[in-house]
Amino acid sequence: METRIQFRVDEETKRLAQQMAESQGRTLSDACRELTEQLADAQRKAQSHEIWLTEQVNEAFEKYDSGASVFIDNDTAKAQIERFKSSIRGKNSQ
């Protein structure tokens, strides 16, 4: 089902927007539809990421609650990440 979207702009803004759209071989309605679809797609991606992040946080808490979490000190974590970054740099230089 399609929905109609209406909004108001002054005549000069409409005229200039129509000129720009026409110079690109499309109508102002086409341009508005495209922008609306881009905004909707960006929102879908944001929602998808939000769902993924929530799942990750919930999994971390479940792991913690079950006693399966392993904690390391900051120095060990820094050393591990430096080794990881070095291994990646080594692979990229080959």
N, C-alpha and C. Protein backbone atom coordinates (compact mmCIF):
# COMPACT_ATOMS: atom_id res chain seq x y z
N MET A 1 0.83 -1.17 0.00
CA MET A 1 0.00 0.00 0.00
C MET A 1 0.88 1.24 0.00
N GLU A 2 0.55 2.17 -0.86
CA GLU A 2 1.33 3.40 -0.94
C GLU A 2 0.66 4.50 -0.13
N THR A 3 1.46 5.41 0.35
CA THR A 3 0.99 6.52 1.17
C THR A 3 1.41 7.83 0.54
N ARG A 4 0.59 8.82 0.68
CA ARG A 4 0.91 10.15 0.17
C ARG A 4 1.51 10.97 1.30
N ILE A 5 2.58 11.68 1.00
CA ILE A 5 3.23 12.57 1.97
C ILE A 5 3.06 13.99 1.44
N GLN A 6 2.59 14.87 2.29
CA GLN A 6 2.44 16.27 1.89
C GLN A 6 3.19 17.16 2.87
N PHE A 7 3.81 18.20 2.34
CA PHE A 7 4.44 19.19 3.18
C PHE A 7 4.43 20.52 2.45
N ARG A 8 4.66 21.58 3.15
CA ARG A 8 4.58 22.92 2.57
C ARG A 8 5.96 23.57 2.52
N VAL A 9 6.23 24.19 1.39
CA VAL A 9 7.42 25.03 1.21
C VAL A 9 6.99 26.26 0.45
N ASP A 10 7.78 27.31 0.52
CA ASP A 10 7.42 28.52 -0.21
C ASP A 10 7.61 28.29 -1.72
N GLU A 11 6.97 29.13 -2.51
CA GLU A 11 6.95 28.97 -3.97
C GLU A 11 8.36 29.02 -4.56
N GLU A 12 9.20 29.90 -4.07
CA GLU A 12 10.56 30.03 -4.60
C GLU A 12 11.36 28.74 -4.37
N THR A 13 11.23 28.18 -3.18
CA THR A 13 11.93 26.92 -2.87
C THR A 13 11.43 25.81 -3.79
N LYS A 14 10.14 25.74 -3.99
CA LYS A 14 9.57 24.73 -4.87
C LYS A 14 10.06 24.92 -6.30
N ARG A 15 10.04 26.17 -6.78
CA ARG A 15 10.48 26.44 -8.15
C ARG A 15 11.94 26.04 -8.36
N LEU A 16 12.79 26.42 -7.43
CA LEU A 16 14.22 26.08 -7.55
C LEU A 16 14.45 24.57 -7.46
N ALA A 17 13.73 23.93 -6.55
CA ALA A 17 13.86 22.47 -6.41
C ALA A 17 13.40 21.76 -7.68
N GLN A 18 12.30 22.24 -8.27
CA GLN A 18 11.82 21.65 -9.53
C GLN A 18 12.85 21.83 -10.64
N GLN A 19 13.45 23.02 -10.71
CA GLN A 19 14.47 23.26 -11.73
C GLN A 19 15.64 22.30 -11.57
N MET A 20 16.10 22.10 -10.34
CA MET A 20 17.22 21.20 -10.09
C MET A 20 16.85 19.78 -10.45
N ALA A 21 15.68 19.35 -10.04
CA ALA A 21 15.24 17.99 -10.35
C ALA A 21 15.14 17.79 -11.85
N GLU A 22 14.55 18.74 -12.55
CA GLU A 22 14.40 18.64 -14.00
C GLU A 22 15.76 18.63 -14.69
N SER A 23 16.72 19.38 -14.16
CA SER A 23 18.06 19.38 -14.76
C SER A 23 18.74 18.01 -14.62
N GLN A 24 18.24 17.20 -13.69
CA GLN A 24 18.76 15.85 -13.48
C GLN A 24 17.89 14.80 -14.15
N GLY A 25 16.91 15.26 -14.93
CA GLY A 25 16.06 14.33 -15.67
C GLY A 25 15.03 13.61 -14.82
N ARG A 26 14.58 14.24 -13.76
CA ARG A 26 13.57 13.63 -12.92
C ARG A 26 12.62 14.69 -12.41
N THR A 27 11.55 14.26 -11.80
CA THR A 27 10.57 15.19 -11.26
C THR A 27 10.89 15.47 -9.80
N LEU A 28 10.28 16.51 -9.28
CA LEU A 28 10.44 16.82 -7.87
C LEU A 28 9.87 15.69 -7.01
N SER A 29 8.79 15.09 -7.46
CA SER A 29 8.23 13.94 -6.74
C SER A 29 9.22 12.79 -6.70
N ASP A 30 9.90 12.55 -7.83
CA ASP A 30 10.92 11.50 -7.87
C ASP A 30 12.02 11.78 -6.85
N ALA A 31 12.48 13.02 -6.82
CA ALA A 31 13.56 13.40 -5.90
C ALA A 31 13.11 13.24 -4.44
N CYS A 32 11.88 13.67 -4.14
CA CYS A 32 11.36 13.53 -2.77
C CYS A 32 11.20 12.07 -2.39
N ARG A 33 10.72 11.27 -3.34
CA ARG A 33 10.55 9.83 -3.09
C ARG A 33 11.92 9.19 -2.82
N GLU A 34 12.91 9.55 -3.62
CA GLU A 34 14.25 8.99 -3.44
C GLU A 34 14.82 9.36 -2.08
N LEU A 35 14.68 10.62 -1.70
CA LEU A 35 15.16 11.04 -0.38
C LEU A 35 14.44 10.30 0.73
N THR A 36 13.15 10.14 0.61
CA THR A 36 12.37 9.42 1.61
C THR A 36 12.83 7.97 1.72
N GLU A 37 13.09 7.34 0.58
CA GLU A 37 13.57 5.96 0.58
C GLU A 37 14.95 5.86 1.20
N GLN A 38 15.82 6.84 0.93
CA GLN A 38 17.16 6.85 1.54
C GLN A 38 17.07 7.00 3.05
N LEU A 39 16.19 7.89 3.51
CA LEU A 39 16.01 8.08 4.95
C LEU A 39 15.49 6.80 5.60
N ALA A 40 14.53 6.16 4.94
CA ALA A 40 13.97 4.91 5.48
C ALA A 40 15.04 3.82 5.53
N ASP A 41 15.86 3.74 4.50
CA ASP A 41 16.93 2.74 4.48
C ASP A 41 17.94 3.00 5.60
N ALA A 42 18.28 4.26 5.80
CA ALA A 42 19.20 4.60 6.89
C ALA A 42 18.60 4.22 8.25
N GLN A 43 17.29 4.42 8.40
CA GLN A 43 16.63 4.06 9.66
C GLN A 43 16.61 2.54 9.84
N ARG A 44 16.37 1.81 8.75
CA ARG A 44 16.40 0.33 8.84
C ARG A 44 17.77 -0.15 9.30
N LYS A 45 18.82 0.44 8.75
CA LYS A 45 20.18 0.06 9.15
C LYS A 45 20.43 0.39 10.60
N ALA A 46 19.98 1.57 11.03
CA ALA A 46 20.16 1.96 12.44
C ALA A 46 19.42 1.01 13.36
N GLN A 47 18.20 0.65 13.00
CA GLN A 47 17.42 -0.27 13.83
C GLN A 47 18.07 -1.65 13.85
N SER A 48 18.57 -2.09 12.71
CA SER A 48 19.22 -3.38 12.65
C SER A 48 20.45 -3.40 13.55
N HIS A 49 21.22 -2.32 13.52
CA HIS A 49 22.41 -2.24 14.38
C HIS A 49 22.01 -2.21 15.84
N GLU A 50 20.95 -1.49 16.15
CA GLU A 50 20.47 -1.40 17.53
C GLU A 50 20.05 -2.78 18.04
N ILE A 51 19.38 -3.55 17.20
CA ILE A 51 18.97 -4.91 17.57
C ILE A 51 20.20 -5.78 17.80
N TRP A 52 21.18 -5.70 16.89
CA TRP A 52 22.40 -6.48 17.02
C TRP A 52 23.13 -6.11 18.31
N LEU A 53 23.24 -4.81 18.58
CA LEU A 53 23.95 -4.37 19.79
C LEU A 53 23.24 -4.86 21.05
N THR A 54 21.93 -4.78 21.07
CA THR A 54 21.17 -5.27 22.22
C THR A 54 21.42 -6.76 22.43
N GLU A 55 21.44 -7.52 21.33
CA GLU A 55 21.72 -8.96 21.44
C GLU A 55 23.11 -9.21 22.00
N GLN A 56 24.09 -8.44 21.55
CA GLN A 56 25.46 -8.61 22.04
C GLN A 56 25.56 -8.32 23.54
N VAL A 57 24.90 -7.25 23.97
CA VAL A 57 24.91 -6.89 25.39
C VAL A 57 24.22 -7.97 26.21
N ASN A 58 23.08 -8.45 25.73
CA ASN A 58 22.37 -9.51 26.45
C ASN A 58 23.20 -10.78 26.54
N GLU A 59 23.88 -11.13 25.45
CA GLU A 59 24.75 -12.32 25.48
C GLU A 59 25.88 -12.15 26.48
N ALA A 60 26.45 -10.94 26.54
CA ALA A 60 27.54 -10.69 27.49
C ALA A 60 27.05 -10.84 28.93
N PHE A 61 25.86 -10.31 29.21
CA PHE A 61 25.33 -10.45 30.57
C PHE A 61 24.97 -11.90 30.89
N GLU A 62 24.46 -12.63 29.92
CA GLU A 62 24.16 -14.05 30.14
C GLU A 62 25.44 -14.82 30.45
N LYS A 63 26.50 -14.49 29.70
CA LYS A 63 27.79 -15.14 29.94
C LYS A 63 28.31 -14.79 31.33
N TYR A 64 28.17 -13.54 31.70
CA TYR A 64 28.61 -13.11 33.03
C TYR A 64 27.80 -13.81 34.12
N ASP A 65 26.47 -13.81 33.95
CA ASP A 65 25.60 -14.43 34.95
C ASP A 65 25.87 -15.93 35.10
N SER A 66 26.26 -16.60 34.01
CA SER A 66 26.52 -18.03 34.08
C SER A 66 27.91 -18.36 34.62
N GLY A 67 28.73 -17.31 34.81
CA GLY A 67 30.09 -17.53 35.31
C GLY A 67 31.07 -17.90 34.23
N ALA A 68 30.69 -17.78 32.97
CA ALA A 68 31.57 -18.15 31.87
C ALA A 68 32.46 -17.00 31.39
N SER A 69 32.34 -15.85 32.00
CA SER A 69 33.14 -14.70 31.59
C SER A 69 34.57 -14.84 32.07
N VAL A 70 35.49 -14.34 31.27
CA VAL A 70 36.89 -14.31 31.64
C VAL A 70 37.33 -12.86 31.62
N PHE A 71 37.87 -12.39 32.71
CA PHE A 71 38.32 -11.01 32.81
C PHE A 71 39.83 -10.97 32.80
N ILE A 72 40.37 -9.97 32.09
CA ILE A 72 41.82 -9.78 32.05
C ILE A 72 42.12 -8.32 32.41
N ASP A 73 43.32 -8.09 32.91
CA ASP A 73 43.67 -6.73 33.29
C ASP A 73 43.98 -5.89 32.05
N ASN A 74 44.02 -4.60 32.24
CA ASN A 74 44.20 -3.66 31.14
C ASN A 74 45.51 -3.87 30.39
N ASP A 75 46.60 -4.10 31.11
CA ASP A 75 47.90 -4.30 30.45
C ASP A 75 47.88 -5.53 29.56
N THR A 76 47.27 -6.60 30.02
CA THR A 76 47.17 -7.82 29.21
C THR A 76 46.32 -7.56 27.97
N ALA A 77 45.22 -6.85 28.15
CA ALA A 77 44.35 -6.53 27.02
C ALA A 77 45.09 -5.70 25.98
N LYS A 78 45.84 -4.69 26.43
CA LYS A 78 46.61 -3.85 25.50
C LYS A 78 47.65 -4.69 24.76
N ALA A 79 48.31 -5.58 25.45
CA ALA A 79 49.31 -6.42 24.81
C ALA A 79 48.67 -7.33 23.77
N GLN A 80 47.52 -7.89 24.09
CA GLN A 80 46.83 -8.76 23.14
C GLN A 80 46.41 -7.99 21.89
N ILE A 81 45.89 -6.80 22.06
CA ILE A 81 45.45 -6.03 20.90
C ILE A 81 46.65 -5.59 20.06
N GLU A 82 47.75 -5.28 20.69
CA GLU A 82 48.95 -4.91 19.94
C GLU A 82 49.47 -6.09 19.11
N ARG A 83 49.44 -7.29 19.69
CA ARG A 83 49.84 -8.49 18.94
C ARG A 83 48.89 -8.72 17.76
N PHE A 84 47.61 -8.52 18.00
CA PHE A 84 46.62 -8.69 16.95
C PHE A 84 46.85 -7.68 15.82
N LYS A 85 47.06 -6.42 16.17
CA LYS A 85 47.30 -5.39 15.16
C LYS A 85 48.59 -5.67 14.39
N SER A 86 49.61 -6.14 15.08
CA SER A 86 50.87 -6.47 14.42
C SER A 86 50.69 -7.61 13.43
N SER A 87 49.90 -8.59 13.81
CA SER A 87 49.66 -9.72 12.90
C SER A 87 48.91 -9.26 11.66
N ILE A 88 47.99 -8.33 11.82
CA ILE A 88 47.26 -7.80 10.67
C ILE A 88 48.20 -6.99 9.78
N ARG A 89 49.01 -6.16 10.40
CA ARG A 89 49.96 -5.37 9.62
C ARG A 89 50.92 -6.29 8.85
N GLY A 90 51.32 -7.38 9.49
CA GLY A 90 52.21 -8.34 8.82
C GLY A 90 51.55 -8.99 7.62
N LYS A 91 50.26 -9.31 7.73
CA LYS A 91 49.54 -9.90 6.61
C LYS A 91 49.36 -8.92 5.47
N ASN A 92 49.15 -7.64 5.81
CA ASN A 92 48.93 -6.63 4.78
C ASN A 92 50.22 -6.26 4.05
N SER A 93 51.37 -6.48 4.67
CA SER A 93 52.63 -6.11 4.02
C SER A 93 53.14 -7.20 3.08
N GLN A 94 52.49 -8.35 3.09
CA GLN A 94 52.96 -9.45 2.23
C GLN A 94 52.40 -9.32 0.84
